Amino acid sequence: MAHPRAKLTPFGRLLLVHRVEQLRWSVTEAAKSLGISRPTAYKWLARWHRDGEPGLTDRSSRPRRSPRRVPADLAQRILALRRRLRVGQRRLVPYVGRAPTTIYAVLRRHGLSRLHDGDRATGVPIRYTREHPGELLHLDMKLLGRIPPGDGHRVHGRGAAPSRHRGLGYEALHVAIDGRSPMAVCKQRP
């Protein structure tokens, strides 16, 4: 899916190619009609010529290669040292010979970035995970005081509130958060 501010969707890119290739519009005219710059139009036309219609779809922004990424054997050594010594990234520097930020990146990538998330005696991560959505729900209720018409005490002061508005009660807000999926529901009681 295109980013929210993208001028062209895959259909718009195909329309650009159609106008330039079949209808023989100039690239400048086609770009102007679609509200994009000439370099952008040339970029999509080059992808069309190189890859065909699949070249007009969105790509992942993940780099194809990461030459400065820590090698896998060094990452495994960092993880083994973390489990064995149970110390922070700064204390691992003499053993590994890399910057603390590099060691932290490896630990974070493998879910071992925080020492307090593990058991002190064994070092095993303390986490709970559920197999299925809906298996564990976190339920909460929040009471919100009703504000009388014409604003409340913040505007008029506590003593200036008319007596007929006293005891308006509360609105109840019910919140449910699923322990497996990133689903949260919030409803107001009628």
C-alpha atoms as a PDB file:
ATOM      1  CA  MET A   1       0.000   0.000   0.000  1.00  0.00           C
ATOM      2  CA  ALA A   2       1.262   3.470  -0.853  1.00  0.00           C
ATOM      3  CA  HIS A   3       2.165   5.838   1.956  1.00  0.00           C
ATOM      4  CA  PRO A   4      -0.640   8.228   2.972  1.00  0.00           C
ATOM      5  CA  ARG A   5       0.738  11.214   1.050  1.00  0.00           C
ATOM      6  CA  ALA A   6       1.589   9.340  -2.159  1.00  0.00           C
ATOM      7  CA  LYS A   7       0.228  10.997  -5.283  1.00  0.00           C
ATOM      8  CA  LEU A   8       0.080   7.756  -7.223  1.00  0.00           C
ATOM      9  CA  THR A   9      -1.498   4.435  -6.410  1.00  0.00           C
ATOM     10  CA  PRO A  10      -0.603   1.385  -8.523  1.00  0.00           C
ATOM     11  CA  PHE A  11      -3.591   2.260 -10.723  1.00  0.00           C
ATOM     12  CA  GLY A  12      -2.298   5.831 -11.181  1.00  0.00           C
ATOM     13  CA  ARG A  13       1.139   4.493 -12.110  1.00  0.00           C
ATOM     14  CA  LEU A  14      -0.436   2.228 -14.720  1.00  0.00           C
ATOM     15  CA  LEU A  15      -2.400   5.224 -15.994  1.00  0.00           C
ATOM     16  CA  LEU A  16       0.881   7.153 -16.337  1.00  0.00           C
ATOM     17  CA  VAL A  17       2.421   4.322 -18.350  1.00  0.00           C
ATOM     18  CA  HIS A  18      -0.708   4.048 -20.524  1.00  0.00           C
ATOM     19  CA  ARG A  19      -0.696   7.773 -21.301  1.00  0.00           C
ATOM     20  CA  VAL A  20       2.994   7.803 -22.214  1.00  0.00           C
ATOM     21  CA  GLU A  21       3.267   4.448 -24.017  1.00  0.00           C
ATOM     22  CA  GLN A  22      -0.101   4.041 -25.799  1.00  0.00           C
ATOM     23  CA  LEU A  23      -1.523   7.560 -26.022  1.00  0.00           C
ATOM     24  CA  ARG A  24       1.917   9.056 -26.803  1.00  0.00           C
ATOM     25  CA  TRP A  25       1.692  11.879 -24.278  1.00  0.00           C
ATOM     26  CA  SER A  26       4.956  13.520 -23.358  1.00  0.00           C
ATOM     27  CA  VAL A  27       6.294  12.579 -19.949  1.00  0.00           C
ATOM     28  CA  THR A  28       5.923  16.207 -18.842  1.00  0.00           C
ATOM     29  CA  GLU A  29       2.225  16.302 -19.812  1.00  0.00           C
ATOM     30  CA  ALA A  30       1.462  12.956 -18.181  1.00  0.00           C
ATOM     31  CA  ALA A  31       3.285  13.941 -14.992  1.00  0.00           C
ATOM     32  CA  LYS A  32       1.479  17.271 -14.841  1.00  0.00           C
ATOM     33  CA  SER A  33      -1.919  15.633 -15.352  1.00  0.00           C
ATOM     34  CA  LEU A  34      -1.298  13.295 -12.417  1.00  0.00           C
ATOM     35  CA  GLY A  35       0.194  15.971 -10.150  1.00  0.00           C
ATOM     36  CA  ILE A  36       3.683  14.475  -9.890  1.00  0.00           C
ATOM     37  CA  SER A  37       7.136  15.666 -10.864  1.00  0.00           C
ATOM     38  CA  ARG A  38       8.946  14.644 -14.061  1.00  0.00           C
ATOM     39  CA  PRO A  39      11.661  12.711 -12.171  1.00  0.00           C
ATOM     40  CA  THR A  40       8.961  10.677 -10.406  1.00  0.00           C
ATOM     41  CA  ALA A  41       7.287   9.929 -13.724  1.00  0.00           C
ATOM     42  CA  TYR A  42      10.599   8.795 -15.204  1.00  0.00           C
ATOM     43  CA  LYS A  43      11.197   6.598 -12.151  1.00  0.00           C
ATOM     44  CA  TRP A  44       7.876   4.755 -12.649  1.00  0.00           C
ATOM     45  CA  LEU A  45       8.433   4.449 -16.395  1.00  0.00           C
ATOM     46  CA  ALA A  46      11.894   2.958 -15.788  1.00  0.00           C
ATOM     47  CA  ARG A  47      10.403   0.427 -13.384  1.00  0.00           C
ATOM     48  CA  TRP A  48       7.746  -0.405 -15.976  1.00  0.00           C
ATOM     49  CA  HIS A  49      10.369  -1.044 -18.658  1.00  0.00           C
ATOM     50  CA  ARG A  50      12.563  -3.076 -16.310  1.00  0.00           C
ATOM     51  CA  ASP A  51       9.945  -5.167 -14.398  1.00  0.00           C
ATOM     52  CA  GLY A  52       6.650  -4.775 -16.242  1.00  0.00           C
ATOM     53  CA  GLU A  53       3.423  -4.391 -14.272  1.00  0.00           C
ATOM     54  CA  PRO A  54       4.849  -5.936 -11.048  1.00  0.00           C
ATOM     55  CA  GLY A  55       7.360  -3.063 -11.005  1.00  0.00           C
ATOM     56  CA  LEU A  56       4.489  -0.614 -10.415  1.00  0.00           C
ATOM     57  CA  THR A  57       3.526  -2.120  -7.059  1.00  0.00           C
ATOM     58  CA  ASP A  58       4.884  -0.879  -3.748  1.00  0.00           C
ATOM     59  CA  ARG A  59       8.079  -2.396  -2.431  1.00  0.00           C
ATOM     60  CA  SER A  60       9.360  -2.936   1.054  1.00  0.00           C
ATOM     61  CA  SER A  61      11.641  -0.174   2.301  1.00  0.00           C
ATOM     62  CA  ARG A  62      13.864  -2.757   3.982  1.00  0.00           C
ATOM     63  CA  PRO A  63      17.373  -2.618   2.538  1.00  0.00           C
ATOM     64  CA  ARG A  64      18.420  -5.529   0.318  1.00  0.00           C
ATOM     65  CA  ARG A  65      21.673  -5.875   2.215  1.00  0.00           C
ATOM     66  CA  SER A  66      23.132  -4.493   5.434  1.00  0.00           C
ATOM     67  CA  PRO A  67      26.928  -4.553   5.147  1.00  0.00           C
ATOM     68  CA  ARG A  68      27.461  -3.160   8.665  1.00  0.00           C
ATOM     69  CA  ARG A  69      25.144  -5.591  10.435  1.00  0.00           C
ATOM     70  CA  VAL A  70      26.744  -7.731  13.125  1.00  0.00           C
ATOM     71  CA  PRO A  71      27.666 -11.201  11.783  1.00  0.00           C
ATOM     72  CA  ALA A  72      25.477 -14.065  13.014  1.00  0.00           C
ATOM     73  CA  ASP A  73      28.293 -15.826  14.882  1.00  0.00           C
ATOM     74  CA  LEU A  74      29.141 -12.640  16.810  1.00  0.00           C
ATOM     75  CA  ALA A  75      25.454 -12.096  17.607  1.00  0.00           C
ATOM     76  CA  GLN A  76      25.243 -15.632  19.000  1.00  0.00           C
ATOM     77  CA  ARG A  77      28.358 -14.972  21.090  1.00  0.00           C
ATOM     78  CA  ILE A  78      26.807 -11.776  22.497  1.00  0.00           C
ATOM     79  CA  LEU A  79      23.595 -13.649  23.375  1.00  0.00           C
ATOM     80  CA  ALA A  80      25.528 -16.483  25.028  1.00  0.00           C
ATOM     81  CA  LEU A  81      27.576 -14.012  27.094  1.00  0.00           C
ATOM     82  CA  ARG A  82      24.417 -12.188  28.143  1.00  0.00           C
ATOM     83  CA  ARG A  83      22.777 -15.417  29.319  1.00  0.00           C
ATOM     84  CA  ARG A  84      25.907 -16.640  31.108  1.00  0.00           C
ATOM     85  CA  LEU A  85      27.100 -13.407  32.771  1.00  0.00           C
ATOM     86  CA  ARG A  86      23.735 -11.612  33.142  1.00  0.00           C
ATOM     87  CA  VAL A  87      25.260  -8.143  32.802  1.00  0.00           C
ATOM     88  CA  GLY A  88      24.366  -5.063  30.768  1.00  0.00           C
ATOM     89  CA  GLN A  89      25.735  -4.108  27.371  1.00  0.00           C
ATOM     90  CA  ARG A  90      28.441  -1.832  28.799  1.00  0.00           C
ATOM     91  CA  ARG A  91      29.969  -4.707  30.765  1.00  0.00           C
ATOM     92  CA  LEU A  92      29.944  -6.919  27.672  1.00  0.00           C
ATOM     93  CA  VAL A  93      32.161  -4.508  25.707  1.00  0.00           C
ATOM     94  CA  PRO A  94      35.512  -5.985  26.908  1.00  0.00           C
ATOM     95  CA  TYR A  95      34.385  -9.500  25.985  1.00  0.00           C
ATOM     96  CA  VAL A  96      33.031  -8.584  22.546  1.00  0.00           C
ATOM     97  CA  GLY A  97      35.074  -5.576  21.448  1.00  0.00           C
ATOM     98  CA  ARG A  98      32.097  -3.703  19.994  1.00  0.00           C
ATOM     99  CA  ALA A  99      30.341  -0.500  21.000  1.00  0.00           C
ATOM    100  CA  PRO A 100      27.598  -0.735  23.661  1.00  0.00           C
ATOM    101  CA  THR A 101      25.044   0.531  21.149  1.00  0.00           C
ATOM    102  CA  THR A 102      25.903  -2.337  18.786  1.00  0.00           C
ATOM    103  CA  ILE A 103      25.577  -4.871  21.585  1.00  0.00           C
ATOM    104  CA  TYR A 104      22.263  -3.307  22.644  1.00  0.00           C
ATOM    105  CA  ALA A 105      20.932  -3.529  19.080  1.00  0.00           C
ATOM    106  CA  VAL A 106      21.696  -7.263  18.989  1.00  0.00           C
ATOM    107  CA  LEU A 107      20.098  -7.812  22.408  1.00  0.00           C
ATOM    108  CA  ARG A 108      17.010  -5.805  21.477  1.00  0.00           C
ATOM    109  CA  ARG A 109      16.606  -7.668  18.181  1.00  0.00           C
ATOM    110  CA  HIS A 110      16.509 -10.951  20.114  1.00  0.00           C
ATOM    111  CA  GLY A 111      14.272  -9.714  22.957  1.00  0.00           C
ATOM    112  CA  LEU A 112      16.974  -9.718  25.645  1.00  0.00           C
ATOM    113  CA  SER A 113      17.540  -5.973  25.954  1.00  0.00           C
ATOM    114  CA  ARG A 114      16.321  -5.525  29.532  1.00  0.00           C
ATOM    115  CA  LEU A 115      17.884  -7.375  32.419  1.00  0.00           C
ATOM    116  CA  HIS A 116      14.905  -6.852  34.718  1.00  0.00           C
ATOM    117  CA  ASP A 117      12.652  -8.748  32.271  1.00  0.00           C
ATOM    118  CA  GLY A 118      14.438 -11.974  33.188  1.00  0.00           C
ATOM    119  CA  ASP A 119      14.441 -14.135  36.285  1.00  0.00           C
ATOM    120  CA  ARG A 120      17.421 -13.220  38.522  1.00  0.00           C
ATOM    121  CA  ALA A 121      18.417 -16.794  39.276  1.00  0.00           C
ATOM    122  CA  THR A 122      18.003 -18.413  35.859  1.00  0.00           C
ATOM    123  CA  GLY A 123      17.943 -15.513  33.411  1.00  0.00           C
ATOM    124  CA  VAL A 124      14.858 -16.958  31.681  1.00  0.00           C
ATOM    125  CA  PRO A 125      12.637 -14.185  30.289  1.00  0.00           C
ATOM    126  CA  ILE A 126       9.516 -13.589  32.380  1.00  0.00           C
ATOM    127  CA  ARG A 127       6.703 -13.130  29.900  1.00  0.00           C
ATOM    128  CA  TYR A 128       3.289 -14.510  29.438  1.00  0.00           C
ATOM    129  CA  THR A 129       1.896 -15.171  26.023  1.00  0.00           C
ATOM    130  CA  ARG A 130      -1.458 -16.611  25.101  1.00  0.00           C
ATOM    131  CA  GLU A 131      -2.164 -19.063  22.313  1.00  0.00           C
ATOM    132  CA  HIS A 132      -5.471 -17.641  21.066  1.00  0.00           C
ATOM    133  CA  PRO A 133      -7.086 -14.201  20.936  1.00  0.00           C
ATOM    134  CA  GLY A 134      -9.728 -13.829  23.627  1.00  0.00           C
ATOM    135  CA  GLU A 135      -8.034 -16.327  25.944  1.00  0.00           C
ATOM    136  CA  LEU A 136      -7.023 -13.578  28.384  1.00  0.00           C
ATOM    137  CA  LEU A 137      -8.849 -10.248  28.620  1.00  0.00           C
ATOM    138  CA  HIS A 138      -7.789  -7.315  30.762  1.00  0.00           C
ATOM    139  CA  LEU A 139     -10.966  -5.545  31.890  1.00  0.00           C
ATOM    140  CA  ASP A 140     -11.165  -2.125  33.475  1.00  0.00           C
ATOM    141  CA  MET A 141     -13.820   0.452  34.261  1.00  0.00           C
ATOM    142  CA  LYS A 142     -13.288   4.208  34.566  1.00  0.00           C
ATOM    143  CA  LEU A 143     -15.828   6.559  36.091  1.00  0.00           C
ATOM    144  CA  LEU A 144     -15.901  10.067  34.617  1.00  0.00           C
ATOM    145  CA  GLY A 145     -17.847  12.821  36.398  1.00  0.00           C
ATOM    146  CA  ARG A 146     -20.540  14.526  34.344  1.00  0.00           C
ATOM    147  CA  ILE A 147     -19.997  18.230  33.645  1.00  0.00           C
ATOM    148  CA  PRO A 148     -23.126  20.381  34.002  1.00  0.00           C
ATOM    149  CA  PRO A 149     -24.353  22.592  31.161  1.00  0.00           C
ATOM    150  CA  GLY A 150     -22.593  25.957  31.217  1.00  0.00           C
ATOM    151  CA  ASP A 151     -19.251  24.495  32.327  1.00  0.00           C
ATOM    152  CA  GLY A 152     -18.113  23.204  35.680  1.00  0.00           C
ATOM    153  CA  HIS A 153     -16.098  24.339  38.687  1.00  0.00           C
ATOM    154  CA  ARG A 154     -12.945  24.980  36.683  1.00  0.00           C
ATOM    155  CA  VAL A 155     -14.659  27.952  35.036  1.00  0.00           C
ATOM    156  CA  HIS A 156     -17.043  29.128  37.786  1.00  0.00           C
ATOM    157  CA  GLY A 157     -15.291  27.897  40.946  1.00  0.00           C
ATOM    158  CA  ARG A 158     -16.432  25.179  43.322  1.00  0.00           C
ATOM    159  CA  GLY A 159     -18.757  27.357  45.396  1.00  0.00           C
ATOM    160  CA  ALA A 160     -20.480  28.953  42.387  1.00  0.00           C
ATOM    161  CA  ALA A 161     -22.030  25.733  41.042  1.00  0.00           C
ATOM    162  CA  PRO A 162     -25.837  25.987  41.096  1.00  0.00           C
ATOM    163  CA  SER A 163     -27.484  23.596  43.537  1.00  0.00           C
ATOM    164  CA  ARG A 164     -29.754  22.086  40.895  1.00  0.00           C
ATOM    165  CA  HIS A 165     -26.715  20.532  39.157  1.00  0.00           C
ATOM    166  CA  ARG A 166     -25.322  18.794  42.218  1.00  0.00           C
ATOM    167  CA  GLY A 167     -25.217  15.030  42.012  1.00  0.00           C
ATOM    168  CA  LEU A 168     -25.253  14.672  38.222  1.00  0.00           C
ATOM    169  CA  GLY A 169     -23.465  11.365  38.613  1.00  0.00           C
ATOM    170  CA  TYR A 170     -20.875   9.673  36.477  1.00  0.00           C
ATOM    171  CA  GLU A 171     -20.383   8.222  33.042  1.00  0.00           C
ATOM    172  CA  ALA A 172     -18.895   4.728  33.108  1.00  0.00           C
ATOM    173  CA  LEU A 173     -16.261   3.791  30.546  1.00  0.00           C
ATOM    174  CA  HIS A 174     -15.538   0.074  30.069  1.00  0.00           C
ATOM    175  CA  VAL A 175     -12.198  -0.978  28.564  1.00  0.00           C
ATOM    176  CA  ALA A 176     -11.216  -4.494  27.400  1.00  0.00           C
ATOM    177  CA  ILE A 177      -7.725  -5.326  26.115  1.00  0.00           C
ATOM    178  CA  ASP A 178      -6.912  -8.716  24.600  1.00  0.00           C
ATOM    179  CA  GLY A 179      -3.772 -10.405  25.942  1.00  0.00           C
ATOM    180  CA  ARG A 180      -2.809 -12.003  22.585  1.00  0.00           C
ATOM    181  CA  SER A 181      -3.782  -9.638  19.797  1.00  0.00           C
ATOM    182  CA  PRO A 182      -3.326  -5.867  19.758  1.00  0.00           C
ATOM    183  CA  MET A 183      -7.093  -5.455  20.120  1.00  0.00           C
ATOM    184  CA  ALA A 184      -8.584  -2.960  22.568  1.00  0.00           C
ATOM    185  CA  VAL A 185     -12.252  -2.029  22.921  1.00  0.00           C
ATOM    186  CA  CYS A 186     -13.590   0.959  24.810  1.00  0.00           C
ATOM    187  CA  LYS A 187     -17.360   1.443  25.318  1.00  0.00           C
ATOM    188  CA  GLN A 188     -19.428   3.932  27.226  1.00  0.00           C
ATOM    189  CA  ARG A 189     -22.251   2.506  29.294  1.00  0.00           C
ATOM    190  CA  PRO A 190     -25.594   3.961  28.136  1.00  0.00           C
END
